[in-house]
């Protein structure tokens, strides 16, 4: 009899120490909710991170990363006259706009003019990139309604923008005088050099 009483007491204690089924379910539900919340947060962070890699805004000009085969381009657009109205015209940079900011350029008083004199002191082949760089720069001027003039005898003049593309020890844009710039190219970095100028042209055009 004493053994039975002792066992019944032990069983009563064990029953009291066991958590209730409802409490166990609540704890399980809490864990599931925490895990689901963590997954949602992870998905949102990943989504915004991927979007931040695909798009970038510089001084109000938005660029979107696009891929053409193995080629990665950075697309933006400007409004141009079309059939009596305005339509977006797409431009594609080869250099990441974030990296273009590393190309030195004192742009504090840079402005667009009705005419631009574009000269070359040196030849730039650079495996075909030279042709692409110059063509893009000329096309941007044309789309903005800016006349391109090639005059080897022209010099700095406040009446027009003067852009001279030349070789140097460092890729940068040097301000020589009012509206007068040397686009200095080192080690065939003609795309970063010319696209740095294009970047500022996009900004100024967006402000008009």
Protein backbone atom coordinates (compact mmCIF):
# COMPACT_ATOMS: atom_id res chain seq x y z
CA UNK A 1 0.00 0.00 0.00
CA UNK A 2 2.81 2.38 0.91
CA UNK A 3 4.54 1.72 -2.44
CA UNK A 4 1.33 2.50 -4.33
CA UNK A 5 0.90 5.72 -2.41
CA UNK A 6 4.51 6.65 -3.11
CA UNK A 7 4.08 5.99 -6.84
CA UNK A 8 0.90 7.99 -7.01
CA UNK A 9 2.65 10.94 -5.39
CA UNK A 10 5.55 10.75 -7.88
CA UNK A 11 3.13 10.58 -10.80
CA UNK A 12 1.26 13.60 -9.47
CA UNK A 13 4.52 15.57 -9.29
CA UNK A 14 5.54 14.59 -12.82
CA UNK A 15 2.17 15.66 -14.17
CA UNK A 16 2.51 19.04 -12.52
CA UNK A 17 6.01 19.66 -13.97
CA UNK A 18 5.01 18.84 -17.57
CA UNK A 19 4.06 21.98 -19.59
CA UNK A 20 0.50 22.21 -20.69
CA UNK A 21 -0.23 21.31 -24.32
CA UNK A 22 -1.58 24.80 -25.05
CA UNK A 23 1.64 26.38 -23.77
CA UNK A 24 3.73 24.11 -25.99
CA UNK A 25 1.61 24.98 -29.01
CA UNK A 26 1.92 28.69 -28.25
CA UNK A 27 5.71 28.37 -28.01
CA UNK A 28 5.85 26.49 -31.32
CA UNK A 29 3.64 29.11 -32.99
CA UNK A 30 5.88 31.88 -31.66
CA UNK A 31 8.97 30.22 -33.13
CA UNK A 32 7.24 29.73 -36.49
CA UNK A 33 6.19 33.40 -36.57
CA UNK A 34 9.72 34.56 -35.72
CA UNK A 35 11.18 32.40 -38.50
CA UNK A 36 8.59 33.66 -41.01
CA UNK A 37 9.27 37.27 -40.01
CA UNK A 38 13.02 36.73 -40.42
CA UNK A 39 12.49 35.23 -43.90
CA UNK A 40 10.31 38.20 -44.95
CA UNK A 41 12.93 40.66 -43.71
CA UNK A 42 15.66 38.77 -45.59
CA UNK A 43 13.61 38.80 -48.82
CA UNK A 44 12.93 42.55 -48.51
CA UNK A 45 16.59 43.35 -47.81
CA UNK A 46 17.70 41.21 -50.76
CA UNK A 47 15.11 42.87 -53.02
CA UNK A 48 16.18 46.42 -52.15
CA UNK A 49 19.86 45.47 -52.37
CA UNK A 50 19.45 44.01 -55.86
CA UNK A 51 17.46 47.08 -56.94
CA UNK A 52 20.20 49.35 -55.59
CA UNK A 53 22.68 47.52 -57.81
CA UNK A 54 20.43 47.86 -60.86
CA UNK A 55 19.67 51.57 -60.50
CA UNK A 56 21.69 54.59 -59.47
CA UNK A 57 20.93 58.31 -59.33
CA UNK A 58 23.59 60.98 -59.80
CA UNK A 59 22.60 64.62 -59.29
CA UNK A 60 19.01 63.85 -60.26
CA UNK A 61 19.93 61.73 -63.30
CA UNK A 62 18.82 58.11 -63.00
CA UNK A 63 20.76 55.22 -64.50
CA UNK A 64 19.56 51.65 -64.88
CA UNK A 65 21.88 48.68 -65.32
CA UNK A 66 21.06 46.58 -68.37
CA UNK A 67 22.81 43.54 -69.78
CA UNK A 68 23.27 42.83 -73.46
CA UNK A 69 24.80 39.37 -73.66
CA UNK A 70 28.03 39.63 -71.69
CA UNK A 71 28.08 43.42 -71.97
CA UNK A 72 26.86 45.48 -68.99
CA UNK A 73 25.59 48.97 -69.85
CA UNK A 74 24.23 51.88 -67.84
CA UNK A 75 21.15 53.38 -69.46
CA UNK A 76 19.65 56.83 -69.02
CA UNK A 77 17.47 59.00 -71.24
CA UNK A 78 16.91 62.63 -72.14
CA UNK A 79 13.80 64.24 -73.64
CA UNK A 80 14.22 65.22 -77.29
CA UNK A 81 11.81 66.77 -79.83
CA UNK A 82 9.89 64.12 -81.75
CA UNK A 83 6.89 64.55 -84.09
CA UNK A 84 5.83 67.82 -82.54
CA UNK A 85 6.28 66.63 -78.97
CA UNK A 86 8.98 65.30 -76.67
CA UNK A 87 10.14 61.70 -76.40
CA UNK A 88 12.85 59.97 -74.33
CA UNK A 89 16.10 59.21 -76.14
CA UNK A 90 18.19 56.48 -74.54
CA UNK A 91 21.92 56.66 -73.97
CA UNK A 92 24.13 53.83 -72.77
CA UNK A 93 27.37 54.33 -70.87
CA UNK A 94 30.01 51.63 -70.74
CA UNK A 95 31.41 52.83 -67.41
CA UNK A 96 29.56 52.62 -64.11
CA UNK A 97 28.45 56.18 -63.19
CA UNK A 98 29.67 55.58 -59.63
CA UNK A 99 33.18 55.02 -60.97
CA UNK A 100 32.95 58.01 -63.32
CA UNK A 101 32.79 60.27 -60.28
CA UNK A 102 36.36 59.21 -59.51
CA UNK A 103 37.55 60.92 -62.69
CA UNK A 104 38.64 64.40 -61.49
CA UNK A 105 36.57 67.24 -62.93
CA UNK A 106 36.03 70.69 -61.48
CA UNK A 107 32.45 71.07 -62.69
CA UNK A 108 31.51 73.96 -60.38
CA UNK A 109 30.78 76.35 -63.25
CA UNK A 110 30.37 73.93 -66.14
CA UNK A 111 27.43 74.84 -68.37
CA UNK A 112 26.01 73.84 -71.73
CA UNK A 113 26.51 76.21 -74.65
CA UNK A 114 24.85 76.40 -78.05
CA UNK A 115 28.13 75.45 -79.75
CA UNK A 116 30.98 73.14 -78.80
CA UNK A 117 34.39 72.95 -80.44
CA UNK A 118 35.65 69.36 -80.21
CA UNK A 119 39.29 68.82 -81.10
CA UNK A 120 41.80 65.97 -80.87
CA UNK A 121 45.51 66.39 -80.30
CA UNK A 122 46.20 62.67 -80.56
CA UNK A 123 44.86 59.56 -82.27
CA UNK A 124 42.72 57.23 -80.14
CA UNK A 125 42.04 53.78 -81.51
CA UNK A 126 42.10 51.78 -78.25
CA UNK A 127 40.72 48.60 -79.82
CA UNK A 128 37.74 50.47 -81.25
CA UNK A 129 36.74 52.20 -78.01
CA UNK A 130 37.97 55.52 -79.35
CA UNK A 131 35.40 55.47 -82.14
CA UNK A 132 32.62 54.51 -79.70
CA UNK A 133 33.61 57.24 -77.24
CA UNK A 134 33.71 60.04 -79.79
CA UNK A 135 30.53 58.90 -81.52
CA UNK A 136 28.64 58.88 -78.19
CA UNK A 137 29.93 62.31 -77.26
CA UNK A 138 28.97 63.76 -80.65
CA UNK A 139 25.54 62.06 -80.55
CA UNK A 140 24.82 63.48 -77.09
CA UNK A 141 25.61 67.01 -78.25
CA UNK A 142 23.43 66.56 -81.31
CA UNK A 143 20.50 65.17 -79.30
CA UNK A 144 20.71 68.15 -76.96
CA UNK A 145 20.60 70.53 -79.91
CA UNK A 146 24.24 71.58 -79.49
CA UNK A 147 26.29 72.21 -82.61
CA UNK A 148 29.63 70.38 -82.82
CA UNK A 149 32.44 72.26 -84.53
CA UNK A 150 35.87 70.86 -85.39
CA UNK A 151 38.38 73.65 -85.82
CA UNK A 152 42.04 72.90 -85.17
CA UNK A 153 42.74 76.63 -85.07
CA UNK A 154 40.10 77.34 -82.43
CA UNK A 155 41.13 78.26 -78.90
CA UNK A 156 39.36 78.95 -75.63
CA UNK A 157 36.52 81.40 -76.08
CA UNK A 158 33.67 82.35 -73.72
CA UNK A 159 31.21 82.15 -76.62
CA UNK A 160 31.36 78.34 -76.86
CA UNK A 161 32.48 75.22 -75.02
CA UNK A 162 35.94 74.10 -76.03
CA UNK A 163 36.75 70.41 -75.46
CA UNK A 164 40.16 69.14 -76.38
CA UNK A 165 40.86 65.40 -76.10
CA UNK A 166 44.50 64.68 -75.46
CA UNK A 167 46.89 62.13 -73.96
CA UNK A 168 48.26 62.52 -70.44
CA UNK A 169 49.57 60.77 -67.35
CA UNK A 170 46.17 60.74 -65.63
CA UNK A 171 42.62 60.42 -66.90
CA UNK A 172 40.87 63.62 -65.86
CA UNK A 173 39.11 66.71 -67.15
CA UNK A 174 41.14 69.86 -66.70
CA UNK A 175 39.55 73.28 -66.75
CA UNK A 176 41.85 75.57 -68.75
CA UNK A 177 39.71 78.69 -68.92
CA UNK A 178 36.06 79.71 -68.97
CA UNK A 179 34.12 77.02 -70.92
CA UNK A 180 37.48 75.50 -71.91
CA UNK A 181 38.47 71.93 -70.98
CA UNK A 182 41.09 69.32 -71.69
CA UNK A 183 39.75 65.77 -71.58
CA UNK A 184 42.98 64.02 -70.66
CA UNK A 185 43.21 60.30 -71.46
CA UNK A 186 45.70 57.90 -69.90
CA UNK A 187 46.22 54.26 -70.87
CA UNK A 188 43.37 54.23 -73.42
CA UNK A 189 40.77 55.22 -70.79
CA UNK A 190 38.92 57.21 -73.42
CA UNK A 191 35.51 55.85 -72.42
CA UNK A 192 35.80 56.92 -68.75
CA UNK A 193 37.24 60.28 -69.83
CA UNK A 194 34.55 61.18 -72.36
CA UNK A 195 31.74 59.61 -70.34
CA UNK A 196 32.74 61.73 -67.35
CA UNK A 197 31.99 64.77 -69.50
CA UNK A 198 28.74 63.18 -70.69
CA UNK A 199 27.72 62.58 -67.08
CA UNK A 200 27.89 66.30 -66.33
CA UNK A 201 26.11 67.11 -69.57
CA UNK A 202 23.20 64.87 -68.50
CA UNK A 203 23.02 66.76 -65.20
CA UNK A 204 23.05 70.21 -66.78
CA UNK A 205 20.51 69.21 -69.41
CA UNK A 206 18.15 67.89 -66.71
CA UNK A 207 18.30 71.29 -65.01
CA UNK A 208 17.13 73.20 -68.07
